[in-house]
Amino acid sequence: MFDDDDEAPVWDKEAALQRVRGKEKFLVSLVELFLKDMPARIDDLEKTVANMDVPEVQSIGHAVKGVAANLSSIALSEFASKIEQAAKKNHTEAIEMLMPKLRDAHTDVTDMFTEYLASK
């Protein structure tokens, strides 16, 4: 469950476009909203991990997973899902181990989304 030897893609743009039925303007809006709102969610998740508020870690992890999945940000969604599952099982060491990986996945997708918006 916590094995991440297989690197997940950062972003599947084609899947994201399919999800919004090919409406690129809508995808641009969603990406902009992600870039505006997700940093605060990641910060909140880091704070709850630092305080090891396991129920809140599970809740925020679930929210991050959903938003990331809706935009086909595969790696971020997968790490958020792993954190959510670890929280469900009260695996605090796994949560602590996964948090930097989630942060890296967020940075990677943020960079990719920023490039995408610059090309529009």
C-alpha atoms as a PDB file:
ATOM      1  CA  MET A   1       0.000   0.000   0.000  1.00  0.00           C
ATOM      2  CA  PHE A   2       2.830   2.425   0.795  1.00  0.00           C
ATOM      3  CA  ASP A   3       5.155   1.179  -1.916  1.00  0.00           C
ATOM      4  CA  ASP A   4       5.892   3.931  -4.403  1.00  0.00           C
ATOM      5  CA  ASP A   5       8.526   2.280  -6.574  1.00  0.00           C
ATOM      6  CA  ASP A   6       6.377   2.916  -9.625  1.00  0.00           C
ATOM      7  CA  GLU A   7       6.392   6.632 -10.313  1.00  0.00           C
ATOM      8  CA  ALA A   8       2.926   7.895 -11.082  1.00  0.00           C
ATOM      9  CA  PRO A   9       2.592  10.545 -13.778  1.00  0.00           C
ATOM     10  CA  VAL A  10       2.393  14.087 -12.460  1.00  0.00           C
ATOM     11  CA  TRP A  11      -0.536  15.094 -14.659  1.00  0.00           C
ATOM     12  CA  ASP A  12      -2.602  13.377 -17.326  1.00  0.00           C
ATOM     13  CA  LYS A  13      -3.739  16.393 -19.318  1.00  0.00           C
ATOM     14  CA  GLU A  14      -5.734  14.324 -21.818  1.00  0.00           C
ATOM     15  CA  ALA A  15      -7.696  12.630 -19.032  1.00  0.00           C
ATOM     16  CA  ALA A  16      -8.352  16.031 -17.452  1.00  0.00           C
ATOM     17  CA  LEU A  17      -9.623  17.359 -20.782  1.00  0.00           C
ATOM     18  CA  GLN A  18     -11.890  14.330 -21.170  1.00  0.00           C
ATOM     19  CA  ARG A  19     -13.230  14.917 -17.665  1.00  0.00           C
ATOM     20  CA  VAL A  20     -14.314  18.460 -18.681  1.00  0.00           C
ATOM     21  CA  ARG A  21     -15.654  17.186 -22.026  1.00  0.00           C
ATOM     22  CA  GLY A  22     -12.926  18.910 -24.018  1.00  0.00           C
ATOM     23  CA  LYS A  23     -13.776  22.382 -22.695  1.00  0.00           C
ATOM     24  CA  GLU A  24     -10.299  23.800 -22.290  1.00  0.00           C
ATOM     25  CA  LYS A  25     -11.549  27.131 -20.898  1.00  0.00           C
ATOM     26  CA  PHE A  26     -13.193  25.198 -18.076  1.00  0.00           C
ATOM     27  CA  LEU A  27      -9.997  23.227 -17.469  1.00  0.00           C
ATOM     28  CA  VAL A  28      -8.031  26.490 -17.329  1.00  0.00           C
ATOM     29  CA  SER A  29     -10.483  27.781 -14.693  1.00  0.00           C
ATOM     30  CA  LEU A  30     -10.120  24.623 -12.622  1.00  0.00           C
ATOM     31  CA  VAL A  31      -6.323  24.763 -12.832  1.00  0.00           C
ATOM     32  CA  GLU A  32      -6.366  28.419 -11.765  1.00  0.00           C
ATOM     33  CA  LEU A  33      -8.592  27.546  -8.807  1.00  0.00           C
ATOM     34  CA  PHE A  34      -6.270  24.676  -7.859  1.00  0.00           C
ATOM     35  CA  LEU A  35      -3.246  26.989  -7.925  1.00  0.00           C
ATOM     36  CA  LYS A  36      -5.093  29.504  -5.757  1.00  0.00           C
ATOM     37  CA  ASP A  37      -6.574  27.124  -3.163  1.00  0.00           C
ATOM     38  CA  MET A  38      -4.393  24.019  -2.929  1.00  0.00           C
ATOM     39  CA  PRO A  39      -1.323  25.587  -1.256  1.00  0.00           C
ATOM     40  CA  ALA A  40      -3.423  26.397   1.834  1.00  0.00           C
ATOM     41  CA  ARG A  41      -4.799  22.838   1.920  1.00  0.00           C
ATOM     42  CA  ILE A  42      -1.291  21.396   1.721  1.00  0.00           C
ATOM     43  CA  ASP A  43      -0.148  23.748   4.497  1.00  0.00           C
ATOM     44  CA  ASP A  44      -3.135  22.702   6.611  1.00  0.00           C
ATOM     45  CA  LEU A  45      -2.288  19.057   5.997  1.00  0.00           C
ATOM     46  CA  GLU A  46       1.327  19.627   7.044  1.00  0.00           C
ATOM     47  CA  LYS A  47       0.171  21.333  10.254  1.00  0.00           C
ATOM     48  CA  THR A  48      -2.211  18.499  11.102  1.00  0.00           C
ATOM     49  CA  VAL A  49       0.540  15.959  10.390  1.00  0.00           C
ATOM     50  CA  ALA A  50       2.955  17.909  12.633  1.00  0.00           C
ATOM     51  CA  ASN A  51       0.318  17.860  15.409  1.00  0.00           C
ATOM     52  CA  MET A  52      -0.654  14.280  14.449  1.00  0.00           C
ATOM     53  CA  ASP A  53      -4.345  15.091  14.455  1.00  0.00           C
ATOM     54  CA  VAL A  54      -5.093  11.801  12.711  1.00  0.00           C
ATOM     55  CA  PRO A  55      -8.827  12.365  12.034  1.00  0.00           C
ATOM     56  CA  GLU A  56      -8.057  15.752  10.481  1.00  0.00           C
ATOM     57  CA  VAL A  57      -5.152  14.267   8.485  1.00  0.00           C
ATOM     58  CA  GLN A  58      -7.625  11.731   7.090  1.00  0.00           C
ATOM     59  CA  SER A  59     -10.170  14.430   6.253  1.00  0.00           C
ATOM     60  CA  ILE A  60      -7.734  16.800   4.540  1.00  0.00           C
ATOM     61  CA  GLY A  61      -6.009  13.899   2.778  1.00  0.00           C
ATOM     62  CA  HIS A  62      -9.378  12.843   1.399  1.00  0.00           C
ATOM     63  CA  ALA A  63     -10.133  16.379   0.165  1.00  0.00           C
ATOM     64  CA  VAL A  64      -6.717  16.742  -1.499  1.00  0.00           C
ATOM     65  CA  LYS A  65      -7.136  13.324  -3.127  1.00  0.00           C
ATOM     66  CA  GLY A  66     -10.493  14.307  -4.603  1.00  0.00           C
ATOM     67  CA  VAL A  67      -9.397  17.661  -5.986  1.00  0.00           C
ATOM     68  CA  ALA A  68      -6.220  16.164  -7.438  1.00  0.00           C
ATOM     69  CA  ALA A  69      -8.117  13.243  -8.977  1.00  0.00           C
ATOM     70  CA  ASN A  70     -10.650  15.582 -10.586  1.00  0.00           C
ATOM     71  CA  LEU A  71      -7.781  17.330 -12.370  1.00  0.00           C
ATOM     72  CA  SER A  72      -6.015  14.032 -13.174  1.00  0.00           C
ATOM     73  CA  SER A  73      -3.035  14.947 -11.029  1.00  0.00           C
ATOM     74  CA  ILE A  74      -2.179  11.296 -10.594  1.00  0.00           C
ATOM     75  CA  ALA A  75       0.853  11.442  -8.265  1.00  0.00           C
ATOM     76  CA  LEU A  76      -0.679  13.987  -5.890  1.00  0.00           C
ATOM     77  CA  SER A  77      -3.938  12.056  -5.761  1.00  0.00           C
ATOM     78  CA  GLU A  78      -2.110   8.798  -5.034  1.00  0.00           C
ATOM     79  CA  PHE A  79      -0.001  10.232  -2.211  1.00  0.00           C
ATOM     80  CA  ALA A  80      -3.046  11.920  -0.679  1.00  0.00           C
ATOM     81  CA  SER A  81      -4.891   8.599  -0.893  1.00  0.00           C
ATOM     82  CA  LYS A  82      -1.996   6.796   0.817  1.00  0.00           C
ATOM     83  CA  ILE A  83      -2.002   9.406   3.590  1.00  0.00           C
ATOM     84  CA  GLU A  84      -5.765   9.059   3.972  1.00  0.00           C
ATOM     85  CA  GLN A  85      -5.469   5.257   4.201  1.00  0.00           C
ATOM     86  CA  ALA A  86      -2.580   5.472   6.676  1.00  0.00           C
ATOM     87  CA  ALA A  87      -4.656   7.823   8.837  1.00  0.00           C
ATOM     88  CA  LYS A  88      -7.607   5.410   8.732  1.00  0.00           C
ATOM     89  CA  LYS A  89      -5.282   2.750  10.148  1.00  0.00           C
ATOM     90  CA  ASN A  90      -3.549   5.179  12.546  1.00  0.00           C
ATOM     91  CA  HIS A  91      -0.169   4.486  10.889  1.00  0.00           C
ATOM     92  CA  THR A  92       1.497   7.685  12.041  1.00  0.00           C
ATOM     93  CA  GLU A  93       4.978   6.704  10.823  1.00  0.00           C
ATOM     94  CA  ALA A  94       3.626   6.111   7.326  1.00  0.00           C
ATOM     95  CA  ILE A  95       1.879   9.486   7.387  1.00  0.00           C
ATOM     96  CA  GLU A  96       5.132  11.214   8.354  1.00  0.00           C
ATOM     97  CA  MET A  97       7.040   9.324   5.655  1.00  0.00           C
ATOM     98  CA  LEU A  98       4.475  10.165   2.964  1.00  0.00           C
ATOM     99  CA  MET A  99       4.076  13.871   3.692  1.00  0.00           C
ATOM    100  CA  PRO A 100       7.329  15.024   1.993  1.00  0.00           C
ATOM    101  CA  LYS A 101       6.422  12.920  -1.040  1.00  0.00           C
ATOM    102  CA  LEU A 102       2.998  14.548  -1.186  1.00  0.00           C
ATOM    103  CA  ARG A 103       4.633  17.981  -0.907  1.00  0.00           C
ATOM    104  CA  ASP A 104       6.981  17.096  -3.806  1.00  0.00           C
ATOM    105  CA  ALA A 105       4.042  15.857  -5.901  1.00  0.00           C
ATOM    106  CA  HIS A 106       2.218  19.123  -5.191  1.00  0.00           C
ATOM    107  CA  THR A 107       5.272  21.136  -6.250  1.00  0.00           C
ATOM    108  CA  ASP A 108       5.619  19.092  -9.451  1.00  0.00           C
ATOM    109  CA  VAL A 109       1.980  19.503 -10.464  1.00  0.00           C
ATOM    110  CA  THR A 110       2.042  23.197  -9.542  1.00  0.00           C
ATOM    111  CA  ASP A 111       5.000  23.673 -11.879  1.00  0.00           C
ATOM    112  CA  MET A 112       3.234  21.736 -14.621  1.00  0.00           C
ATOM    113  CA  PHE A 113      -0.028  23.673 -14.179  1.00  0.00           C
ATOM    114  CA  THR A 114       1.850  26.980 -14.207  1.00  0.00           C
ATOM    115  CA  GLU A 115       3.513  26.004 -17.494  1.00  0.00           C
ATOM    116  CA  TYR A 116       0.145  24.939 -18.886  1.00  0.00           C
ATOM    117  CA  LEU A 117      -1.452  28.282 -18.021  1.00  0.00           C
ATOM    118  CA  ALA A 118       1.511  30.175 -19.483  1.00  0.00           C
ATOM    119  CA  SER A 119       0.930  28.361 -22.796  1.00  0.00           C
ATOM    120  CA  LYS A 120      -2.732  29.492 -22.967  1.00  0.00           C
END
